[in-house]
PDB file of N, CA and C in Angstrom:
ATOM      1  N   UNK A   1      41.154  -8.078  15.777  1.00  0.00           N
ATOM      2  CA  UNK A   1      39.925  -8.839  15.761  1.00  0.00           C
ATOM      3  C   UNK A   1      38.827  -7.997  15.102  1.00  0.00           C
ATOM      4  N   UNK A   2      38.149  -8.564  14.152  1.00  0.00           N
ATOM      5  CA  UNK A   2      37.115  -7.840  13.392  1.00  0.00           C
ATOM      6  C   UNK A   2      35.863  -7.657  14.238  1.00  0.00           C
ATOM      7  N   UNK A   3      35.192  -6.516  14.030  1.00  0.00           N
ATOM      8  CA  UNK A   3      33.930  -6.247  14.723  1.00  0.00           C
ATOM      9  C   UNK A   3      32.814  -6.996  14.004  1.00  0.00           C
ATOM     10  N   UNK A   4      32.239  -7.962  14.666  1.00  0.00           N
ATOM     11  CA  UNK A   4      31.171  -8.760  14.058  1.00  0.00           C
ATOM     12  C   UNK A   4      29.799  -8.347  14.559  1.00  0.00           C
ATOM     13  N   UNK A   5      29.727  -7.280  15.364  1.00  0.00           N
ATOM     14  CA  UNK A   5      28.443  -6.848  15.926  1.00  0.00           C
ATOM     15  C   UNK A   5      27.426  -6.568  14.829  1.00  0.00           C
ATOM     16  N   UNK A   6      27.813  -5.801  13.824  1.00  0.00           N
ATOM     17  CA  UNK A   6      26.881  -5.453  12.745  1.00  0.00           C
ATOM     18  C   UNK A   6      26.431  -6.699  11.998  1.00  0.00           C
ATOM     19  N   UNK A   7      27.340  -7.636  11.818  1.00  0.00           N
ATOM     20  CA  UNK A   7      27.006  -8.847  11.073  1.00  0.00           C
ATOM     21  C   UNK A   7      26.035  -9.742  11.841  1.00  0.00           C
ATOM     22  N   UNK A   8      26.073  -9.666  13.160  1.00  0.00           N
ATOM     23  CA  UNK A   8      25.207 -10.542  13.954  1.00  0.00           C
ATOM     24  C   UNK A   8      23.906  -9.876  14.367  1.00  0.00           C
ATOM     25  N   UNK A   9      23.799  -8.569  14.202  1.00  0.00           N
ATOM     26  CA  UNK A   9      22.553  -7.884  14.543  1.00  0.00           C
ATOM     27  C   UNK A   9      21.521  -8.124  13.460  1.00  0.00           C
ATOM     28  N   UNK A  10      20.299  -8.304  13.915  1.00  0.00           N
ATOM     29  CA  UNK A  10      19.193  -8.461  12.967  1.00  0.00           C
ATOM     30  C   UNK A  10      18.153  -7.392  13.250  1.00  0.00           C
ATOM     31  N   UNK A  11      17.558  -6.902  12.187  1.00  0.00           N
ATOM     32  CA  UNK A  11      16.495  -5.921  12.349  1.00  0.00           C
ATOM     33  C   UNK A  11      15.259  -6.606  12.930  1.00  0.00           C
ATOM     34  N   UNK A  12      14.586  -5.892  13.805  1.00  0.00           N
ATOM     35  CA  UNK A  12      13.325  -6.410  14.320  1.00  0.00           C
ATOM     36  C   UNK A  12      12.281  -6.307  13.217  1.00  0.00           C
ATOM     37  N   UNK A  13      11.499  -7.349  13.064  1.00  0.00           N
ATOM     38  CA  UNK A  13      10.440  -7.373  12.055  1.00  0.00           C
ATOM     39  C   UNK A  13       9.115  -7.577  12.766  1.00  0.00           C
ATOM     40  N   UNK A  14       8.162  -6.697  12.461  1.00  0.00           N
ATOM     41  CA  UNK A  14       6.816  -6.807  13.013  1.00  0.00           C
ATOM     42  C   UNK A  14       5.851  -7.090  11.872  1.00  0.00           C
ATOM     43  N   UNK A  15       5.055  -8.132  12.035  1.00  0.00           N
ATOM     44  CA  UNK A  15       4.065  -8.488  11.014  1.00  0.00           C
ATOM     45  C   UNK A  15       2.673  -8.145  11.537  1.00  0.00           C
ATOM     46  N   UNK A  16       1.911  -7.442  10.730  1.00  0.00           N
ATOM     47  CA  UNK A  16       0.563  -7.009  11.103  1.00  0.00           C
ATOM     48  C   UNK A  16      -0.444  -7.831  10.315  1.00  0.00           C
ATOM     49  N   UNK A  17      -1.376  -8.438  11.035  1.00  0.00           N
ATOM     50  CA  UNK A  17      -2.391  -9.299  10.429  1.00  0.00           C
ATOM     51  C   UNK A  17      -1.731 -10.379   9.572  1.00  0.00           C
ATOM     52  N   UNK A  18      -0.885 -11.148  10.218  1.00  0.00           N
ATOM     53  CA  UNK A  18      -0.122 -12.206   9.560  1.00  0.00           C
ATOM     54  C   UNK A  18      -0.995 -13.441   9.371  1.00  0.00           C
ATOM     55  N   UNK A  19      -1.120 -13.874   8.139  1.00  0.00           N
ATOM     56  CA  UNK A  19      -1.873 -15.078   7.824  1.00  0.00           C
ATOM     57  C   UNK A  19      -0.940 -16.162   7.310  1.00  0.00           C
ATOM     58  N   UNK A  20      -1.510 -17.250   6.853  1.00  0.00           N
ATOM     59  CA  UNK A  20      -0.709 -18.351   6.323  1.00  0.00           C
ATOM     60  C   UNK A  20       0.018 -17.967   5.033  1.00  0.00           C
ATOM     61  N   UNK A  21      -0.611 -17.138   4.213  1.00  0.00           N
ATOM     62  CA  UNK A  21      -0.038 -16.788   2.908  1.00  0.00           C
ATOM     63  C   UNK A  21       0.741 -15.482   2.939  1.00  0.00           C
ATOM     64  N   UNK A  22       0.242 -14.501   3.690  1.00  0.00           N
ATOM     65  CA  UNK A  22       0.882 -13.185   3.684  1.00  0.00           C
ATOM     66  C   UNK A  22       0.451 -12.382   4.898  1.00  0.00           C
ATOM     67  N   UNK A  23       1.184 -11.324   5.142  1.00  0.00           N
ATOM     68  CA  UNK A  23       0.825 -10.343   6.161  1.00  0.00           C
ATOM     69  C   UNK A  23       0.246  -9.135   5.440  1.00  0.00           C
ATOM     70  N   UNK A  24      -0.659  -8.440   6.089  1.00  0.00           N
ATOM     71  CA  UNK A  24      -1.223  -7.231   5.487  1.00  0.00           C
ATOM     72  C   UNK A  24      -0.206  -6.094   5.512  1.00  0.00           C
ATOM     73  N   UNK A  25       0.695  -6.127   6.511  1.00  0.00           N
ATOM     74  CA  UNK A  25       1.770  -5.136   6.591  1.00  0.00           C
ATOM     75  C   UNK A  25       2.950  -5.756   7.318  1.00  0.00           C
ATOM     76  N   UNK A  26       4.139  -5.303   6.954  1.00  0.00           N
ATOM     77  CA  UNK A  26       5.367  -5.724   7.624  1.00  0.00           C
ATOM     78  C   UNK A  26       6.180  -4.460   7.900  1.00  0.00           C
ATOM     79  N   UNK A  27       6.689  -4.372   9.133  1.00  0.00           N
ATOM     80  CA  UNK A  27       7.499  -3.227   9.538  1.00  0.00           C
ATOM     81  C   UNK A  27       8.919  -3.724   9.819  1.00  0.00           C
ATOM     82  N   UNK A  28       9.907  -3.078   9.192  1.00  0.00           N
ATOM     83  CA  UNK A  28      11.314  -3.402   9.419  1.00  0.00           C
ATOM     84  C   UNK A  28      12.167  -2.184   9.111  1.00  0.00           C
ATOM     85  N   UNK A  29      13.159  -1.949   9.949  1.00  0.00           N
ATOM     86  CA  UNK A  29      14.113  -0.854   9.715  1.00  0.00           C
ATOM     87  C   UNK A  29      13.435   0.483   9.464  1.00  0.00           C
ATOM     88  N   UNK A  30      12.367   0.779  10.188  1.00  0.00           N
ATOM     89  CA  UNK A  30      11.700   2.071  10.058  1.00  0.00           C
ATOM     90  C   UNK A  30      10.844   2.229   8.821  1.00  0.00           C
ATOM     91  N   UNK A  31      10.587   1.125   8.123  1.00  0.00           N
ATOM     92  CA  UNK A  31       9.790   1.169   6.903  1.00  0.00           C
ATOM     93  C   UNK A  31       8.611   0.218   7.022  1.00  0.00           C
ATOM     94  N   UNK A  32       7.469   0.634   6.502  1.00  0.00           N
ATOM     95  CA  UNK A  32       6.253  -0.178   6.509  1.00  0.00           C
ATOM     96  C   UNK A  32       5.939  -0.580   5.074  1.00  0.00           C
ATOM     97  N   UNK A  33       5.763  -1.865   4.869  1.00  0.00           N
ATOM     98  CA  UNK A  33       5.442  -2.415   3.551  1.00  0.00           C
ATOM     99  C   UNK A  33       4.034  -2.986   3.622  1.00  0.00           C
ATOM    100  N   UNK A  34       3.118  -2.450   2.840  1.00  0.00           N
ATOM    101  CA  UNK A  34       1.756  -2.968   2.815  1.00  0.00           C
ATOM    102  C   UNK A  34       1.589  -3.953   1.668  1.00  0.00           C
ATOM    103  N   UNK A  35       0.799  -4.995   1.922  1.00  0.00           N
ATOM    104  CA  UNK A  35       0.397  -5.904   0.859  1.00  0.00           C
ATOM    105  C   UNK A  35      -0.532  -5.138  -0.083  1.00  0.00           C
ATOM    106  N   UNK A  36      -0.717  -5.641  -1.273  1.00  0.00           N
ATOM    107  CA  UNK A  36      -1.659  -5.034  -2.206  1.00  0.00           C
ATOM    108  C   UNK A  36      -3.054  -5.048  -1.614  1.00  0.00           C
ATOM    109  N   UNK A  37      -3.729  -3.914  -1.670  1.00  0.00           N
ATOM    110  CA  UNK A  37      -5.074  -3.770  -1.113  1.00  0.00           C
ATOM    111  C   UNK A  37      -6.080  -3.624  -2.251  1.00  0.00           C
ATOM    112  N   UNK A  38      -7.207  -4.302  -2.092  1.00  0.00           N
ATOM    113  CA  UNK A  38      -8.282  -4.248  -3.087  1.00  0.00           C
ATOM    114  C   UNK A  38      -9.592  -3.919  -2.383  1.00  0.00           C
ATOM    115  N   UNK A  39     -10.556  -3.446  -3.157  1.00  0.00           N
ATOM    116  CA  UNK A  39     -11.872  -3.117  -2.626  1.00  0.00           C
ATOM    117  C   UNK A  39     -12.858  -4.238  -2.866  1.00  0.00           C
ATOM    118  N   UNK A  40     -14.135  -3.914  -2.725  1.00  0.00           N
ATOM    119  CA  UNK A  40     -15.201  -4.906  -2.906  1.00  0.00           C
ATOM    120  C   UNK A  40     -15.289  -5.321  -4.367  1.00  0.00           C
ATOM    121  N   UNK A  41     -15.199  -6.607  -4.651  1.00  0.00           N
ATOM    122  CA  UNK A  41     -15.277  -7.073  -6.035  1.00  0.00           C
ATOM    123  C   UNK A  41     -16.574  -6.621  -6.705  1.00  0.00           C
ATOM    124  N   UNK A  42     -16.453  -6.129  -7.921  1.00  0.00           N
ATOM    125  CA  UNK A  42     -17.631  -5.732  -8.684  1.00  0.00           C
ATOM    126  C   UNK A  42     -18.072  -4.300  -8.478  1.00  0.00           C
ATOM    127  N   UNK A  43     -17.581  -3.630  -7.432  1.00  0.00           N
ATOM    128  CA  UNK A  43     -17.954  -2.229  -7.191  1.00  0.00           C
ATOM    129  C   UNK A  43     -17.288  -1.340  -8.243  1.00  0.00           C
ATOM    130  N   UNK A  44     -17.839  -0.151  -8.477  1.00  0.00           N
ATOM    131  CA  UNK A  44     -17.200   0.781  -9.423  1.00  0.00           C
ATOM    132  C   UNK A  44     -15.778   1.129  -8.969  1.00  0.00           C
ATOM    133  N   UNK A  45     -14.925   1.526  -9.896  1.00  0.00           N
ATOM    134  CA  UNK A  45     -13.525   1.797  -9.579  1.00  0.00           C
ATOM    135  C   UNK A  45     -13.382   2.879  -8.509  1.00  0.00           C
ATOM    136  N   UNK A  46     -14.224   3.903  -8.527  1.00  0.00           N
ATOM    137  CA  UNK A  46     -14.124   4.954  -7.503  1.00  0.00           C
ATOM    138  C   UNK A  46     -14.421   4.382  -6.116  1.00  0.00           C
ATOM    139  N   UNK A  47     -15.429   3.542  -6.008  1.00  0.00           N
ATOM    140  CA  UNK A  47     -15.760   2.920  -4.721  1.00  0.00           C
ATOM    141  C   UNK A  47     -14.647   1.984  -4.269  1.00  0.00           C
ATOM    142  N   UNK A  48     -14.105   1.211  -5.195  1.00  0.00           N
ATOM    143  CA  UNK A  48     -13.002   0.317  -4.832  1.00  0.00           C
ATOM    144  C   UNK A  48     -11.790   1.129  -4.379  1.00  0.00           C
ATOM    145  N   UNK A  49     -11.508   2.220  -5.069  1.00  0.00           N
ATOM    146  CA  UNK A  49     -10.360   3.057  -4.699  1.00  0.00           C
ATOM    147  C   UNK A  49     -10.562   3.648  -3.312  1.00  0.00           C
ATOM    148  N   UNK A  50     -11.752   4.156  -3.017  1.00  0.00           N
ATOM    149  CA  UNK A  50     -12.031   4.700  -1.680  1.00  0.00           C
ATOM    150  C   UNK A  50     -11.840   3.632  -0.606  1.00  0.00           C
ATOM    151  N   UNK A  51     -12.333   2.431  -0.867  1.00  0.00           N
ATOM    152  CA  UNK A  51     -12.193   1.328   0.092  1.00  0.00           C
ATOM    153  C   UNK A  51     -10.726   0.963   0.297  1.00  0.00           C
ATOM    154  N   UNK A  52      -9.972   0.912  -0.779  1.00  0.00           N
ATOM    155  CA  UNK A  52      -8.546   0.588  -0.689  1.00  0.00           C
ATOM    156  C   UNK A  52      -7.827   1.642   0.143  1.00  0.00           C
ATOM    157  N   UNK A  53      -8.084   2.909  -0.127  1.00  0.00           N
ATOM    158  CA  UNK A  53      -7.393   3.971   0.590  1.00  0.00           C
ATOM    159  C   UNK A  53      -7.777   4.010   2.062  1.00  0.00           C
ATOM    160  N   UNK A  54      -9.015   3.668   2.384  1.00  0.00           N
ATOM    161  CA  UNK A  54      -9.423   3.560   3.790  1.00  0.00           C
ATOM    162  C   UNK A  54      -8.647   2.432   4.468  1.00  0.00           C
ATOM    163  N   UNK A  55      -8.447   1.337   3.771  1.00  0.00           N
ATOM    164  CA  UNK A  55      -7.689   0.217   4.321  1.00  0.00           C
ATOM    165  C   UNK A  55      -6.210   0.585   4.460  1.00  0.00           C
ATOM    166  N   UNK A  56      -5.667   1.335   3.526  1.00  0.00           N
ATOM    167  CA  UNK A  56      -4.295   1.823   3.639  1.00  0.00           C
ATOM    168  C   UNK A  56      -4.167   2.691   4.887  1.00  0.00           C
ATOM    169  N   UNK A  57      -5.105   3.605   5.090  1.00  0.00           N
ATOM    170  CA  UNK A  57      -5.104   4.445   6.295  1.00  0.00           C
ATOM    171  C   UNK A  57      -5.116   3.587   7.560  1.00  0.00           C
ATOM    172  N   UNK A  58      -5.975   2.586   7.589  1.00  0.00           N
ATOM    173  CA  UNK A  58      -6.119   1.721   8.770  1.00  0.00           C
ATOM    174  C   UNK A  58      -4.833   0.946   9.049  1.00  0.00           C
ATOM    175  N   UNK A  59      -4.249   0.359   8.008  1.00  0.00           N
ATOM    176  CA  UNK A  59      -3.028  -0.420   8.190  1.00  0.00           C
ATOM    177  C   UNK A  59      -1.835   0.453   8.574  1.00  0.00           C
ATOM    178  N   UNK A  60      -1.735   1.628   7.981  1.00  0.00           N
ATOM    179  CA  UNK A  60      -0.653   2.533   8.363  1.00  0.00           C
ATOM    180  C   UNK A  60      -0.791   2.945   9.819  1.00  0.00           C
ATOM    181  N   UNK A  61      -2.018   3.224  10.268  1.00  0.00           N
ATOM    182  CA  UNK A  61      -2.241   3.571  11.678  1.00  0.00           C
ATOM    183  C   UNK A  61      -1.854   2.406  12.585  1.00  0.00           C
ATOM    184  N   UNK A  62      -2.186   1.189  12.190  1.00  0.00           N
ATOM    185  CA  UNK A  62      -1.827   0.010  12.984  1.00  0.00           C
ATOM    186  C   UNK A  62      -0.310  -0.137  13.098  1.00  0.00           C
ATOM    187  N   UNK A  63       0.409   0.327  12.089  1.00  0.00           N
ATOM    188  CA  UNK A  63       1.873   0.255  12.091  1.00  0.00           C
ATOM    189  C   UNK A  63       2.505   1.438  12.822  1.00  0.00           C
ATOM    190  N   UNK A  64       1.700   2.457  13.108  1.00  0.00           N
ATOM    191  CA  UNK A  64       2.214   3.625  13.817  1.00  0.00           C
ATOM    192  C   UNK A  64       2.626   4.777  12.923  1.00  0.00           C
ATOM    193  N   UNK A  65       2.018   4.867  11.754  1.00  0.00           N
ATOM    194  CA  UNK A  65       2.345   5.948  10.831  1.00  0.00           C
ATOM    195  C   UNK A  65       1.074   6.393  10.112  1.00  0.00           C
ATOM    196  N   UNK A  66       1.207   7.205   9.078  1.00  0.00           N
ATOM    197  CA  UNK A  66       0.025   7.669   8.343  1.00  0.00           C
ATOM    198  C   UNK A  66       0.391   8.012   6.901  1.00  0.00           C
ATOM    199  N   UNK A  67      -0.601   8.430   6.137  1.00  0.00           N
ATOM    200  CA  UNK A  67      -0.410   8.657   4.699  1.00  0.00           C
ATOM    201  C   UNK A  67       0.576   9.777   4.377  1.00  0.00           C
ATOM    202  N   UNK A  68       0.850  10.677   5.325  1.00  0.00           N
ATOM    203  CA  UNK A  68       1.843  11.729   5.063  1.00  0.00           C
ATOM    204  C   UNK A  68       3.257  11.167   5.005  1.00  0.00           C
ATOM    205  N   UNK A  69       3.427   9.908   5.414  1.00  0.00           N
ATOM    206  CA  UNK A  69       4.740   9.266   5.456  1.00  0.00           C
ATOM    207  C   UNK A  69       4.927   8.247   4.329  1.00  0.00           C
ATOM    208  N   UNK A  70       3.964   8.192   3.387  1.00  0.00           N
ATOM    209  CA  UNK A  70       4.086   7.252   2.266  1.00  0.00           C
ATOM    210  C   UNK A  70       5.247   7.686   1.379  1.00  0.00           C
ATOM    211  N   UNK A  71       6.112   6.731   1.092  1.00  0.00           N
ATOM    212  CA  UNK A  71       7.262   6.977   0.231  1.00  0.00           C
ATOM    213  C   UNK A  71       6.953   6.648  -1.224  1.00  0.00           C
ATOM    214  N   UNK A  72       6.210   5.543  -1.410  1.00  0.00           N
ATOM    215  CA  UNK A  72       5.984   5.033  -2.761  1.00  0.00           C
ATOM    216  C   UNK A  72       4.645   4.307  -2.822  1.00  0.00           C
ATOM    217  N   UNK A  73       3.932   4.509  -3.898  1.00  0.00           N
ATOM    218  CA  UNK A  73       2.681   3.782  -4.144  1.00  0.00           C
ATOM    219  C   UNK A  73       2.735   3.190  -5.544  1.00  0.00           C
ATOM    220  N   UNK A  74       2.322   1.943  -5.625  1.00  0.00           N
ATOM    221  CA  UNK A  74       2.222   1.257  -6.912  1.00  0.00           C
ATOM    222  C   UNK A  74       0.752   0.916  -7.104  1.00  0.00           C
ATOM    223  N   UNK A  75       0.187   1.376  -8.201  1.00  0.00           N
ATOM    224  CA  UNK A  75      -1.236   1.187  -8.459  1.00  0.00           C
ATOM    225  C   UNK A  75      -1.404   0.343  -9.713  1.00  0.00           C
ATOM    226  N   UNK A  76      -2.208  -0.699  -9.581  1.00  0.00           N
ATOM    227  CA  UNK A  76      -2.552  -1.557 -10.719  1.00  0.00           C
ATOM    228  C   UNK A  76      -4.020  -1.373 -11.031  1.00  0.00           C
ATOM    229  N   UNK A  77      -4.316  -1.095 -12.270  1.00  0.00           N
ATOM    230  CA  UNK A  77      -5.686  -0.985 -12.746  1.00  0.00           C
ATOM    231  C   UNK A  77      -5.962  -2.135 -13.721  1.00  0.00           C
ATOM    232  N   UNK A  78      -7.143  -2.713 -13.637  1.00  0.00           N
ATOM    233  CA  UNK A  78      -7.524  -3.759 -14.582  1.00  0.00           C
ATOM    234  C   UNK A  78      -7.687  -3.171 -15.981  1.00  0.00           C
ATOM    235  N   UNK A  79      -8.018  -1.877 -16.037  1.00  0.00           N
ATOM    236  CA  UNK A  79      -8.237  -1.203 -17.322  1.00  0.00           C
ATOM    237  C   UNK A  79      -7.781   0.245 -17.188  1.00  0.00           C
ATOM    238  N   UNK A  80      -6.806   0.668 -17.985  1.00  0.00           N
ATOM    239  CA  UNK A  80      -6.311   2.045 -17.908  1.00  0.00           C
ATOM    240  C   UNK A  80      -7.384   3.070 -18.259  1.00  0.00           C
ATOM    241  N   UNK A  81      -8.498   2.634 -18.810  1.00  0.00           N
ATOM    242  CA  UNK A  81      -9.614   3.546 -19.059  1.00  0.00           C
ATOM    243  C   UNK A  81     -10.157   4.098 -17.741  1.00  0.00           C
ATOM    244  N   UNK A  82      -9.852   3.429 -16.605  1.00  0.00           N
ATOM    245  CA  UNK A  82     -10.306   3.869 -15.284  1.00  0.00           C
ATOM    246  C   UNK A  82      -9.323   4.809 -14.603  1.00  0.00           C
ATOM    247  N   UNK A  83      -8.266   5.185 -15.296  1.00  0.00           N
ATOM    248  CA  UNK A  83      -7.203   6.016 -14.720  1.00  0.00           C
ATOM    249  C   UNK A  83      -7.736   7.327 -14.137  1.00  0.00           C
ATOM    250  N   UNK A  84      -8.515   8.063 -14.894  1.00  0.00           N
ATOM    251  CA  UNK A  84      -9.023   9.366 -14.428  1.00  0.00           C
ATOM    252  C   UNK A  84      -9.956   9.205 -13.230  1.00  0.00           C
ATOM    253  N   UNK A  85     -10.814   8.189 -13.257  1.00  0.00           N
ATOM    254  CA  UNK A  85     -11.744   7.961 -12.144  1.00  0.00           C
ATOM    255  C   UNK A  85     -10.984   7.614 -10.870  1.00  0.00           C
ATOM    256  N   UNK A  86      -9.995   6.760 -10.981  1.00  0.00           N
ATOM    257  CA  UNK A  86      -9.167   6.402  -9.821  1.00  0.00           C
ATOM    258  C   UNK A  86      -8.422   7.628  -9.323  1.00  0.00           C
ATOM    259  N   UNK A  87      -7.833   8.397 -10.243  1.00  0.00           N
ATOM    260  CA  UNK A  87      -7.078   9.597  -9.854  1.00  0.00           C
ATOM    261  C   UNK A  87      -7.943  10.627  -9.143  1.00  0.00           C
ATOM    262  N   UNK A  88      -9.215  10.729  -9.505  1.00  0.00           N
ATOM    263  CA  UNK A  88     -10.106  11.668  -8.817  1.00  0.00           C
ATOM    264  C   UNK A  88     -10.205  11.358  -7.334  1.00  0.00           C
ATOM    265  N   UNK A  89     -10.290  10.080  -7.013  1.00  0.00           N
ATOM    266  CA  UNK A  89     -10.354   9.653  -5.606  1.00  0.00           C
ATOM    267  C   UNK A  89      -8.983   9.813  -4.963  1.00  0.00           C
ATOM    268  N   UNK A  90      -7.941   9.357  -5.645  1.00  0.00           N
ATOM    269  CA  UNK A  90      -6.575   9.449  -5.129  1.00  0.00           C
ATOM    270  C   UNK A  90      -6.207  10.896  -4.802  1.00  0.00           C
ATOM    271  N   UNK A  91      -6.459  11.816  -5.764  1.00  0.00           N
ATOM    272  CA  UNK A  91      -6.072  13.213  -5.590  1.00  0.00           C
ATOM    273  C   UNK A  91      -6.766  13.859  -4.385  1.00  0.00           C
ATOM    274  N   UNK A  92      -8.007  13.476  -4.120  1.00  0.00           N
ATOM    275  CA  UNK A  92      -8.731  14.015  -2.957  1.00  0.00           C
ATOM    276  C   UNK A  92      -8.190  13.438  -1.648  1.00  0.00           C
ATOM    277  N   UNK A  93      -7.581  12.264  -1.704  1.00  0.00           N
ATOM    278  CA  UNK A  93      -7.095  11.570  -0.510  1.00  0.00           C
ATOM    279  C   UNK A  93      -5.671  11.959  -0.111  1.00  0.00           C
ATOM    280  N   UNK A  94      -4.802  12.184  -1.094  1.00  0.00           N
ATOM    281  CA  UNK A  94      -3.396  12.471  -0.795  1.00  0.00           C
ATOM    282  C   UNK A  94      -3.302  13.785  -0.028  1.00  0.00           C
ATOM    283  N   UNK A  95      -2.525  13.749   1.055  1.00  0.00           N
ATOM    284  CA  UNK A  95      -2.329  14.948   1.870  1.00  0.00           C
ATOM    285  C   UNK A  95      -1.522  15.983   1.079  1.00  0.00           C
ATOM    286  N   UNK A  96      -2.030  17.208   1.032  1.00  0.00           N
ATOM    287  CA  UNK A  96      -1.367  18.278   0.279  1.00  0.00           C
ATOM    288  C   UNK A  96       0.078  18.418   0.743  1.00  0.00           C
ATOM    289  N   UNK A  97       0.991  18.432  -0.226  1.00  0.00           N
ATOM    290  CA  UNK A  97       2.407  18.562   0.079  1.00  0.00           C
ATOM    291  C   UNK A  97       3.080  17.252   0.462  1.00  0.00           C
ATOM    292  N   UNK A  98       2.343  16.126   0.432  1.00  0.00           N
ATOM    293  CA  UNK A  98       2.895  14.833   0.823  1.00  0.00           C
ATOM    294  C   UNK A  98       2.669  13.764  -0.240  1.00  0.00           C
ATOM    295  N   UNK A  99       2.594  14.161  -1.502  1.00  0.00           N
ATOM    296  CA  UNK A  99       2.394  13.179  -2.572  1.00  0.00           C
ATOM    297  C   UNK A  99       3.623  12.271  -2.665  1.00  0.00           C
ATOM    298  N   UNK A 100       3.407  10.955  -2.640  1.00  0.00           N
ATOM    299  CA  UNK A 100       4.542  10.033  -2.731  1.00  0.00           C
ATOM    300  C   UNK A 100       4.991   9.841  -4.178  1.00  0.00           C
ATOM    301  N   UNK A 101       6.135   9.199  -4.348  1.00  0.00           N
ATOM    302  CA  UNK A 101       6.502   8.701  -5.671  1.00  0.00           C
ATOM    303  C   UNK A 101       5.452   7.653  -6.023  1.00  0.00           C
ATOM    304  N   UNK A 102       5.095   7.548  -7.295  1.00  0.00           N
ATOM    305  CA  UNK A 102       3.995   6.652  -7.649  1.00  0.00           C
ATOM    306  C   UNK A 102       4.157   6.128  -9.060  1.00  0.00           C
ATOM    307  N   UNK A 103       3.689   4.903  -9.265  1.00  0.00           N
ATOM    308  CA  UNK A 103       3.620   4.317 -10.598  1.00  0.00           C
ATOM    309  C   UNK A 103       2.246   3.691 -10.751  1.00  0.00           C
ATOM    310  N   UNK A 104       1.692   3.764 -11.952  1.00  0.00           N
ATOM    311  CA  UNK A 104       0.400   3.154 -12.239  1.00  0.00           C
ATOM    312  C   UNK A 104       0.526   2.355 -13.528  1.00  0.00           C
ATOM    313  N   UNK A 105      -0.018   1.148 -13.505  1.00  0.00           N
ATOM    314  CA  UNK A 105       0.016   0.312 -14.687  1.00  0.00           C
ATOM    315  C   UNK A 105      -1.241  -0.511 -14.803  1.00  0.00           C
ATOM    316  N   UNK A 106      -1.383  -1.172 -15.928  1.00  0.00           N
ATOM    317  CA  UNK A 106      -2.527  -2.041 -16.182  1.00  0.00           C
ATOM    318  C   UNK A 106      -2.087  -3.491 -16.013  1.00  0.00           C
ATOM    319  N   UNK A 107      -2.912  -4.274 -15.341  1.00  0.00           N
ATOM    320  CA  UNK A 107      -2.594  -5.689 -15.128  1.00  0.00           C
ATOM    321  C   UNK A 107      -3.860  -6.479 -14.881  1.00  0.00           C
ATOM    322  N   UNK A 108      -3.823  -7.766 -15.186  1.00  0.00           N
ATOM    323  CA  UNK A 108      -4.905  -8.656 -14.769  1.00  0.00           C
ATOM    324  C   UNK A 108      -4.776  -8.832 -13.267  1.00  0.00           C
ATOM    325  N   UNK A 109      -5.845  -8.571 -12.536  1.00  0.00           N
ATOM    326  CA  UNK A 109      -5.824  -8.710 -11.086  1.00  0.00           C
ATOM    327  C   UNK A 109      -6.332 -10.094 -10.706  1.00  0.00           C
ATOM    328  N   UNK A 110      -6.381 -10.389  -9.415  1.00  0.00           N
ATOM    329  CA  UNK A 110      -6.704 -11.744  -8.944  1.00  0.00           C
ATOM    330  C   UNK A 110      -8.040 -12.256  -9.471  1.00  0.00           C
ATOM    331  N   UNK A 111      -8.979 -11.371  -9.671  1.00  0.00           N
ATOM    332  CA  UNK A 111     -10.276 -11.720 -10.258  1.00  0.00           C
ATOM    333  C   UNK A 111     -10.720 -10.558 -11.134  1.00  0.00           C
ATOM    334  N   UNK A 112     -11.464 -10.795 -12.191  1.00  0.00           N
ATOM    335  CA  UNK A 112     -11.918  -9.693 -13.056  1.00  0.00           C
ATOM    336  C   UNK A 112     -12.815  -8.685 -12.328  1.00  0.00           C
ATOM    337  N   UNK A 113     -13.322  -9.058 -11.156  1.00  0.00           N
ATOM    338  CA  UNK A 113     -14.176  -8.145 -10.394  1.00  0.00           C
ATOM    339  C   UNK A 113     -13.380  -7.074  -9.659  1.00  0.00           C
ATOM    340  N   UNK A 114     -12.062  -7.268  -9.531  1.00  0.00           N
ATOM    341  CA  UNK A 114     -11.211  -6.232  -8.944  1.00  0.00           C
ATOM    342  C   UNK A 114     -10.801  -5.276 -10.044  1.00  0.00           C
ATOM    343  N   UNK A 115     -10.953  -3.986  -9.782  1.00  0.00           N
ATOM    344  CA  UNK A 115     -10.616  -2.977 -10.771  1.00  0.00           C
ATOM    345  C   UNK A 115      -9.339  -2.215 -10.419  1.00  0.00           C
ATOM    346  N   UNK A 116      -8.973  -2.208  -9.130  1.00  0.00           N
ATOM    347  CA  UNK A 116      -7.794  -1.466  -8.684  1.00  0.00           C
ATOM    348  C   UNK A 116      -7.141  -2.192  -7.508  1.00  0.00           C
ATOM    349  N   UNK A 117      -5.821  -2.193  -7.506  1.00  0.00           N
ATOM    350  CA  UNK A 117      -5.040  -2.711  -6.377  1.00  0.00           C
ATOM    351  C   UNK A 117      -3.922  -1.718  -6.112  1.00  0.00           C
ATOM    352  N   UNK A 118      -3.728  -1.382  -4.833  1.00  0.00           N
ATOM    353  CA  UNK A 118      -2.711  -0.401  -4.471  1.00  0.00           C
ATOM    354  C   UNK A 118      -1.757  -1.006  -3.453  1.00  0.00           C
ATOM    355  N   UNK A 119      -0.457  -0.827  -3.702  1.00  0.00           N
ATOM    356  CA  UNK A 119       0.607  -1.305  -2.840  1.00  0.00           C
ATOM    357  C   UNK A 119       1.372  -0.078  -2.355  1.00  0.00           C
ATOM    358  N   UNK A 120       1.620  -0.009  -1.050  1.00  0.00           N
ATOM    359  CA  UNK A 120       2.229   1.191  -0.459  1.00  0.00           C
ATOM    360  C   UNK A 120       3.437   0.808   0.387  1.00  0.00           C
ATOM    361  N   UNK A 121       4.452   1.671   0.322  1.00  0.00           N
ATOM    362  CA  UNK A 121       5.601   1.607   1.219  1.00  0.00           C
ATOM    363  C   UNK A 121       5.685   2.958   1.922  1.00  0.00           C
ATOM    364  N   UNK A 122       5.824   2.928   3.254  1.00  0.00           N
ATOM    365  CA  UNK A 122       5.838   4.175   4.031  1.00  0.00           C
ATOM    366  C   UNK A 122       6.919   4.144   5.092  1.00  0.00           C
ATOM    367  N   UNK A 123       7.325   5.312   5.539  1.00  0.00           N
ATOM    368  CA  UNK A 123       8.248   5.431   6.651  1.00  0.00           C
ATOM    369  C   UNK A 123       7.456   5.493   7.952  1.00  0.00           C
ATOM    370  N   UNK A 124       8.078   5.021   9.025  1.00  0.00           N
ATOM    371  CA  UNK A 124       7.429   5.160  10.336  1.00  0.00           C
ATOM    372  C   UNK A 124       7.418   6.603  10.766  1.00  0.00           C
TER     373      UNK A 124
END
């Protein structure tokens, strides 16, 4: 008789700040997935980046982890000309010795007033 225990087990999923369209964070199998975070529309890229990273800190804490456990970050900039300004804020925020894998690209964001969006995956 085959062991079907593994096939019938399901991972527990916890949704943080779950809305009709999306959750701000989802926790499953020891991993935390954050929705894309944006700052105040129209603010300078450095201010938006600081706001986004503060929200990342808050959501990771709500999930029971922190920025030292980030595995991967995906950063979207409305204009790659803002790369250095965003990196100045990012570099000051990342915990020394805990830099995650990261990708940065240029994309049209939900509104032209958003200059940066950051998506994070972290371990518990």
